[in-house]
Amino acid sequence: MWFYHKQNYLETMDEKNYKTTDLYLAAFLRLNSQKLKVEKEKGKASFVFKGSEELSKLVNSYLVEEATCNPLAYTNAIKNLKNLIYNM
């Protein structure tokens, strides 16, 4: 199954994994204790999360703009992911 949202970020989801190229969504999910794996192909990073009902709820709350979090922690999560992908 394929999903598109906000500025054509690509997302896929199956029974086991959720994959997105959206750095900001990945930072939000990471901030909410979702473990991730980063894949980099042809200079493009993808973030892979283990699929779960909790993950689906978090993604949905983010996409419908109902999610909340600590702004400073979110900013740090974004910076940490950027450092991770740029140092791969």
Protein backbone atom coordinates (compact mmCIF):
# COMPACT_ATOMS: atom_id res chain seq x y z
CA MET A 1 0.00 0.00 0.00
CA TRP A 2 1.35 3.45 -0.93
CA PHE A 3 0.51 6.77 0.69
CA TYR A 4 1.36 10.30 -0.34
CA HIS A 5 1.05 13.35 1.85
CA LYS A 6 2.55 16.78 2.35
CA GLN A 7 4.87 17.72 -0.49
CA ASN A 8 4.90 14.23 -2.06
CA TYR A 9 6.78 12.35 0.63
CA LEU A 10 6.62 8.67 -0.18
CA GLU A 11 5.31 6.24 2.39
CA THR A 12 4.65 2.51 2.30
CA MET A 13 3.10 0.25 4.87
CA ASP A 14 2.66 -3.48 5.10
CA GLU A 15 1.88 -5.80 8.00
CA LYS A 16 5.41 -5.56 9.37
CA ASN A 17 6.90 -2.19 8.43
CA TYR A 18 6.11 1.45 7.82
CA LYS A 19 8.55 3.29 5.56
CA THR A 20 8.68 7.05 4.97
CA THR A 21 11.03 9.62 3.48
CA ASP A 22 9.52 12.39 5.63
CA LEU A 23 12.25 13.50 8.05
CA TYR A 24 9.83 15.46 10.21
CA LEU A 25 7.37 12.58 10.58
CA ALA A 26 10.27 10.25 11.39
CA ALA A 27 11.49 12.68 14.07
CA PHE A 28 8.00 12.82 15.58
CA LEU A 29 7.73 9.02 15.63
CA ARG A 30 11.22 8.66 17.11
CA LEU A 31 10.31 11.20 19.77
CA ASN A 32 7.36 8.96 20.65
CA SER A 33 9.61 5.96 21.34
CA GLN A 34 9.24 4.27 17.96
CA LYS A 35 12.42 2.45 16.97
CA LEU A 36 13.66 3.07 13.47
CA LYS A 37 16.09 1.82 10.90
CA VAL A 38 17.54 4.20 8.31
CA GLU A 39 18.07 3.05 4.73
CA LYS A 40 19.97 5.18 2.25
CA GLU A 41 19.82 4.56 -1.47
CA LYS A 42 21.13 6.87 -4.18
CA GLY A 43 21.59 9.64 -1.62
CA LYS A 44 17.95 9.46 -0.43
CA ALA A 45 17.21 8.41 3.13
CA SER A 46 14.18 6.34 4.12
CA PHE A 47 13.06 5.69 7.67
CA VAL A 48 11.65 2.25 8.45
CA PHE A 49 9.56 1.59 11.55
CA LYS A 50 8.12 -1.66 12.83
CA GLY A 51 4.40 -1.64 12.09
CA SER A 52 1.99 -1.58 15.03
CA GLU A 53 -1.38 -0.19 16.02
CA GLU A 54 0.34 2.46 18.14
CA LEU A 55 2.48 3.51 15.16
CA SER A 56 -0.61 3.82 12.96
CA LYS A 57 -2.30 6.04 15.54
CA LEU A 58 0.78 8.26 15.82
CA VAL A 59 1.09 8.61 12.03
CA ASN A 60 -2.59 9.43 11.73
CA SER A 61 -2.45 12.05 14.50
CA TYR A 62 0.57 13.65 12.80
CA LEU A 63 -1.03 13.68 9.34
CA VAL A 64 -4.29 15.23 10.54
CA GLU A 65 -2.31 17.80 12.54
CA GLU A 66 -3.62 16.72 15.95
CA ALA A 67 -0.27 15.52 17.32
CA THR A 68 1.51 17.41 20.07
CA CYS A 69 5.01 17.20 21.49
CA ASN A 70 7.67 19.18 23.28
CA PRO A 71 9.08 21.67 20.72
CA LEU A 72 12.66 21.52 22.01
CA ALA A 73 12.68 17.72 22.05
CA TYR A 74 11.21 17.67 18.51
CA THR A 75 13.90 20.06 17.26
CA ASN A 76 16.60 17.87 18.82
CA ALA A 77 15.07 14.73 17.26
CA ILE A 78 15.22 16.41 13.81
CA LYS A 79 18.85 17.42 14.34
CA ASN A 80 19.79 13.91 15.50
CA LEU A 81 18.19 12.30 12.45
CA LYS A 82 19.91 14.76 10.12
CA ASN A 83 23.26 13.95 11.72
CA LEU A 84 22.54 10.26 11.38
CA ILE A 85 21.70 10.38 7.67
CA TYR A 86 24.48 12.78 6.73
CA ASN A 87 27.11 10.66 8.47
CA MET A 88 26.08 7.38 6.83
